[in-house]
Amino acid sequence: MESKGDSKNGKKKKAKSRKPKALLLGVGLDSKDDHVRITRGPNFQLVGGSKDTHEQMQETAVKFNEELTRRQKRMEDLGPTEFLDIIHKVKK
């Protein structure tokens, strides 16, 4: 019987080398109504929040993606410092 990692000749298969995918996740916790707000887009997923909070998260995510495009970078290419620089820039 073969295990998942075994090939037909008894050797282990090498795991495919995939670069991790980065994602901006926004979670709003201030909703007082029963409305469930979910927005998905390139590089981001936003869940919850009041109408105003969710709209602010949407605006931030869109501006973040615009700045990535301007810098010709992907989320996966950002280090912590550059990520924070972008967030501070788009939140002004």
N, C-alpha and C. Protein backbone atom coordinates (compact mmCIF):
# COMPACT_ATOMS: atom_id res chain seq x y z
N MET A 1 0.85 -1.17 0.00
CA MET A 1 0.00 0.00 0.00
C MET A 1 0.90 1.24 0.00
N GLU A 2 0.59 2.18 -0.87
CA GLU A 2 1.38 3.42 -0.96
C GLU A 2 0.80 4.51 -0.09
N SER A 3 1.67 5.29 0.51
CA SER A 3 1.20 6.47 1.23
C SER A 3 1.08 7.61 0.25
N LYS A 4 0.49 8.70 0.68
CA LYS A 4 0.26 9.84 -0.22
C LYS A 4 1.54 10.36 -0.86
N GLY A 5 2.63 10.36 -0.10
CA GLY A 5 3.87 10.93 -0.61
C GLY A 5 4.69 9.98 -1.46
N ASP A 6 4.28 8.71 -1.59
CA ASP A 6 5.05 7.72 -2.34
C ASP A 6 4.63 7.72 -3.79
N SER A 7 5.62 7.55 -4.66
CA SER A 7 5.32 7.35 -6.07
C SER A 7 5.33 5.86 -6.33
N LYS A 8 5.10 5.46 -7.56
CA LYS A 8 5.02 4.04 -7.89
C LYS A 8 6.34 3.31 -7.67
N ASN A 9 7.46 4.01 -7.78
CA ASN A 9 8.75 3.35 -7.61
C ASN A 9 9.24 3.40 -6.17
N GLY A 10 8.41 3.81 -5.24
CA GLY A 10 8.77 3.79 -3.83
C GLY A 10 9.48 5.04 -3.34
N LYS A 11 9.77 5.96 -4.21
CA LYS A 11 10.44 7.21 -3.80
C LYS A 11 9.41 8.26 -3.44
N LYS A 12 9.76 9.09 -2.49
CA LYS A 12 8.86 10.18 -2.09
C LYS A 12 8.81 11.23 -3.20
N LYS A 13 7.61 11.75 -3.43
CA LYS A 13 7.46 12.85 -4.39
C LYS A 13 7.88 14.13 -3.71
N LYS A 14 8.54 14.98 -4.45
CA LYS A 14 8.92 16.30 -3.92
C LYS A 14 7.71 17.20 -3.92
N ALA A 15 7.55 17.93 -2.85
CA ALA A 15 6.45 18.90 -2.78
C ALA A 15 6.73 20.01 -3.77
N LYS A 16 5.70 20.46 -4.46
CA LYS A 16 5.88 21.57 -5.40
C LYS A 16 6.23 22.82 -4.63
N SER A 17 7.19 23.52 -5.13
CA SER A 17 7.63 24.76 -4.48
C SER A 17 6.71 25.89 -4.93
N ARG A 18 5.85 26.31 -4.04
CA ARG A 18 4.94 27.42 -4.35
C ARG A 18 5.29 28.60 -3.47
N LYS A 19 5.30 29.76 -4.10
CA LYS A 19 5.54 30.97 -3.34
C LYS A 19 4.27 31.30 -2.57
N PRO A 20 4.39 31.63 -1.29
CA PRO A 20 3.18 31.93 -0.52
C PRO A 20 2.41 33.11 -1.11
N LYS A 21 1.11 33.03 -1.05
CA LYS A 21 0.25 34.11 -1.53
C LYS A 21 -0.06 35.03 -0.35
N ALA A 22 0.07 36.31 -0.57
CA ALA A 22 -0.21 37.30 0.48
C ALA A 22 -1.62 37.85 0.29
N LEU A 23 -2.24 38.22 1.39
CA LEU A 23 -3.61 38.70 1.36
C LEU A 23 -3.81 39.72 2.47
N LEU A 24 -4.44 40.83 2.13
CA LEU A 24 -4.82 41.83 3.12
C LEU A 24 -6.20 41.43 3.64
N LEU A 25 -6.29 41.18 4.94
CA LEU A 25 -7.53 40.74 5.56
C LEU A 25 -8.06 41.83 6.47
N GLY A 26 -9.27 42.27 6.21
CA GLY A 26 -9.91 43.28 7.05
C GLY A 26 -11.09 42.66 7.78
N VAL A 27 -11.12 42.85 9.10
CA VAL A 27 -12.22 42.33 9.90
C VAL A 27 -12.81 43.48 10.72
N GLY A 28 -14.06 43.78 10.48
CA GLY A 28 -14.75 44.82 11.23
C GLY A 28 -15.60 44.18 12.32
N LEU A 29 -15.52 44.72 13.51
CA LEU A 29 -16.23 44.12 14.65
C LEU A 29 -17.28 45.03 15.26
N ASP A 30 -17.58 46.15 14.59
CA ASP A 30 -18.46 47.14 15.21
C ASP A 30 -19.89 47.16 14.67
N SER A 31 -20.28 46.13 13.94
CA SER A 31 -21.62 46.11 13.36
C SER A 31 -22.69 45.87 14.43
N LYS A 32 -23.70 46.71 14.45
CA LYS A 32 -24.82 46.57 15.40
C LYS A 32 -26.06 45.99 14.72
N ASP A 33 -26.04 45.97 13.36
CA ASP A 33 -27.19 45.40 12.64
C ASP A 33 -26.87 43.93 12.31
N ASP A 34 -27.82 43.25 11.71
CA ASP A 34 -27.63 41.84 11.37
C ASP A 34 -27.11 41.64 9.95
N HIS A 35 -26.69 42.72 9.32
CA HIS A 35 -26.21 42.64 7.94
C HIS A 35 -24.80 42.06 7.91
N VAL A 36 -24.58 41.08 7.06
CA VAL A 36 -23.25 40.47 6.90
C VAL A 36 -22.60 41.10 5.68
N ARG A 37 -21.49 41.78 5.90
CA ARG A 37 -20.79 42.47 4.82
C ARG A 37 -19.51 41.70 4.49
N ILE A 38 -19.37 41.33 3.21
CA ILE A 38 -18.18 40.63 2.73
C ILE A 38 -17.79 41.25 1.40
N THR A 39 -16.53 41.60 1.27
CA THR A 39 -16.01 42.13 0.01
C THR A 39 -14.71 41.41 -0.29
N ARG A 40 -14.61 40.90 -1.51
CA ARG A 40 -13.38 40.24 -1.96
C ARG A 40 -12.86 40.98 -3.17
N GLY A 41 -11.55 41.07 -3.25
CA GLY A 41 -10.93 41.71 -4.39
C GLY A 41 -9.52 41.20 -4.56
N PRO A 42 -8.82 41.72 -5.55
CA PRO A 42 -7.44 41.29 -5.73
C PRO A 42 -6.62 41.66 -4.50
N ASN A 43 -6.00 40.70 -3.88
CA ASN A 43 -5.12 40.89 -2.72
C ASN A 43 -5.85 41.17 -1.42
N PHE A 44 -7.18 41.14 -1.37
CA PHE A 44 -7.84 41.43 -0.11
C PHE A 44 -9.18 40.71 0.06
N GLN A 45 -9.54 40.51 1.34
CA GLN A 45 -10.86 40.04 1.73
C GLN A 45 -11.27 40.82 2.96
N LEU A 46 -12.48 41.35 2.92
CA LEU A 46 -12.99 42.18 4.02
C LEU A 46 -14.27 41.55 4.54
N VAL A 47 -14.38 41.47 5.86
CA VAL A 47 -15.53 40.82 6.48
C VAL A 47 -16.02 41.68 7.64
N GLY A 48 -17.34 41.86 7.71
CA GLY A 48 -17.95 42.49 8.86
C GLY A 48 -17.83 44.00 8.90
N GLY A 49 -18.13 44.51 10.07
CA GLY A 49 -18.09 45.94 10.30
C GLY A 49 -19.41 46.62 10.02
N SER A 50 -19.55 47.81 10.58
CA SER A 50 -20.72 48.64 10.27
C SER A 50 -20.59 49.10 8.82
N LYS A 51 -21.64 49.72 8.32
CA LYS A 51 -21.60 50.22 6.94
C LYS A 51 -20.41 51.16 6.75
N ASP A 52 -20.21 52.09 7.67
CA ASP A 52 -19.10 53.04 7.55
C ASP A 52 -17.74 52.36 7.65
N THR A 53 -17.60 51.46 8.61
CA THR A 53 -16.32 50.77 8.78
C THR A 53 -15.98 49.93 7.55
N HIS A 54 -16.98 49.23 7.02
CA HIS A 54 -16.73 48.40 5.85
C HIS A 54 -16.34 49.25 4.65
N GLU A 55 -16.99 50.39 4.48
CA GLU A 55 -16.64 51.30 3.39
C GLU A 55 -15.21 51.82 3.54
N GLN A 56 -14.80 52.12 4.78
CA GLN A 56 -13.43 52.57 5.03
C GLN A 56 -12.43 51.47 4.68
N MET A 57 -12.75 50.23 5.05
CA MET A 57 -11.86 49.11 4.72
C MET A 57 -11.76 48.94 3.20
N GLN A 58 -12.90 49.09 2.51
CA GLN A 58 -12.90 48.98 1.04
C GLN A 58 -12.00 50.05 0.42
N GLU A 59 -12.17 51.26 0.89
CA GLU A 59 -11.37 52.38 0.36
C GLU A 59 -9.88 52.14 0.60
N THR A 60 -9.53 51.69 1.78
CA THR A 60 -8.13 51.41 2.10
C THR A 60 -7.58 50.30 1.22
N ALA A 61 -8.35 49.23 1.02
CA ALA A 61 -7.89 48.10 0.20
C ALA A 61 -7.68 48.52 -1.25
N VAL A 62 -8.61 49.31 -1.78
CA VAL A 62 -8.49 49.77 -3.17
C VAL A 62 -7.26 50.67 -3.33
N LYS A 63 -7.07 51.60 -2.41
CA LYS A 63 -5.91 52.50 -2.47
C LYS A 63 -4.61 51.70 -2.30
N PHE A 64 -4.64 50.69 -1.44
CA PHE A 64 -3.46 49.84 -1.25
C PHE A 64 -3.09 49.18 -2.57
N ASN A 65 -4.09 48.61 -3.28
CA ASN A 65 -3.82 47.97 -4.57
C ASN A 65 -3.34 48.98 -5.61
N GLU A 66 -3.89 50.18 -5.58
CA GLU A 66 -3.42 51.21 -6.52
C GLU A 66 -1.95 51.55 -6.27
N GLU A 67 -1.57 51.61 -5.00
CA GLU A 67 -0.17 51.91 -4.66
C GLU A 67 0.74 50.76 -5.06
N LEU A 68 0.28 49.52 -4.91
CA LEU A 68 1.06 48.37 -5.38
C LEU A 68 1.30 48.47 -6.88
N THR A 69 0.25 48.82 -7.62
CA THR A 69 0.38 48.97 -9.08
C THR A 69 1.36 50.08 -9.42
N ARG A 70 1.24 51.20 -8.72
CA ARG A 70 2.14 52.32 -8.96
C ARG A 70 3.59 51.92 -8.73
N ARG A 71 3.84 51.12 -7.70
CA ARG A 71 5.19 50.67 -7.38
C ARG A 71 5.62 49.45 -8.19
N GLN A 72 4.71 48.93 -8.99
CA GLN A 72 4.95 47.72 -9.79
C GLN A 72 5.41 46.56 -8.91
N LYS A 73 4.66 46.32 -7.86
CA LYS A 73 4.98 45.24 -6.92
C LYS A 73 3.74 44.40 -6.67
N ARG A 74 3.98 43.22 -6.12
CA ARG A 74 2.91 42.33 -5.67
C ARG A 74 2.97 42.28 -4.15
N MET A 75 1.88 41.89 -3.53
CA MET A 75 1.87 41.79 -2.06
C MET A 75 2.99 40.87 -1.59
N GLU A 76 3.23 39.79 -2.32
CA GLU A 76 4.24 38.82 -1.94
C GLU A 76 5.64 39.40 -1.93
N ASP A 77 5.84 40.52 -2.66
CA ASP A 77 7.16 41.14 -2.77
C ASP A 77 7.46 42.10 -1.62
N LEU A 78 6.45 42.44 -0.83
CA LEU A 78 6.63 43.46 0.21
C LEU A 78 7.23 42.88 1.48
N GLY A 79 8.15 43.62 2.05
CA GLY A 79 8.63 43.32 3.38
C GLY A 79 7.76 44.06 4.38
N PRO A 80 7.93 43.78 5.66
CA PRO A 80 7.10 44.43 6.67
C PRO A 80 7.17 45.96 6.64
N THR A 81 8.36 46.51 6.45
CA THR A 81 8.52 47.96 6.46
C THR A 81 7.78 48.61 5.29
N GLU A 82 7.95 48.05 4.09
CA GLU A 82 7.29 48.62 2.93
C GLU A 82 5.77 48.45 3.03
N PHE A 83 5.30 47.32 3.57
CA PHE A 83 3.87 47.11 3.79
C PHE A 83 3.31 48.21 4.69
N LEU A 84 3.99 48.47 5.81
CA LEU A 84 3.52 49.51 6.73
C LEU A 84 3.60 50.90 6.11
N ASP A 85 4.62 51.17 5.30
CA ASP A 85 4.73 52.45 4.60
C ASP A 85 3.50 52.68 3.72
N ILE A 86 3.11 51.64 3.00
CA ILE A 86 1.96 51.77 2.10
C ILE A 86 0.68 51.99 2.91
N ILE A 87 0.49 51.20 3.96
CA ILE A 87 -0.72 51.35 4.78
C ILE A 87 -0.82 52.77 5.34
N HIS A 88 0.30 53.28 5.86
CA HIS A 88 0.27 54.65 6.42
C HIS A 88 -0.02 55.68 5.34
N LYS A 89 0.51 55.44 4.15
CA LYS A 89 0.28 56.39 3.05
C LYS A 89 -1.19 56.41 2.63
N VAL A 90 -1.81 55.25 2.50
CA VAL A 90 -3.19 55.19 2.01
C VAL A 90 -4.21 55.56 3.08
N LYS A 91 -3.85 55.53 4.34
CA LYS A 91 -4.78 55.88 5.42
C LYS A 91 -4.81 57.38 5.71
N LYS A 92 -3.96 58.15 5.07
CA LYS A 92 -3.93 59.61 5.30
C LYS A 92 -5.14 60.27 4.69
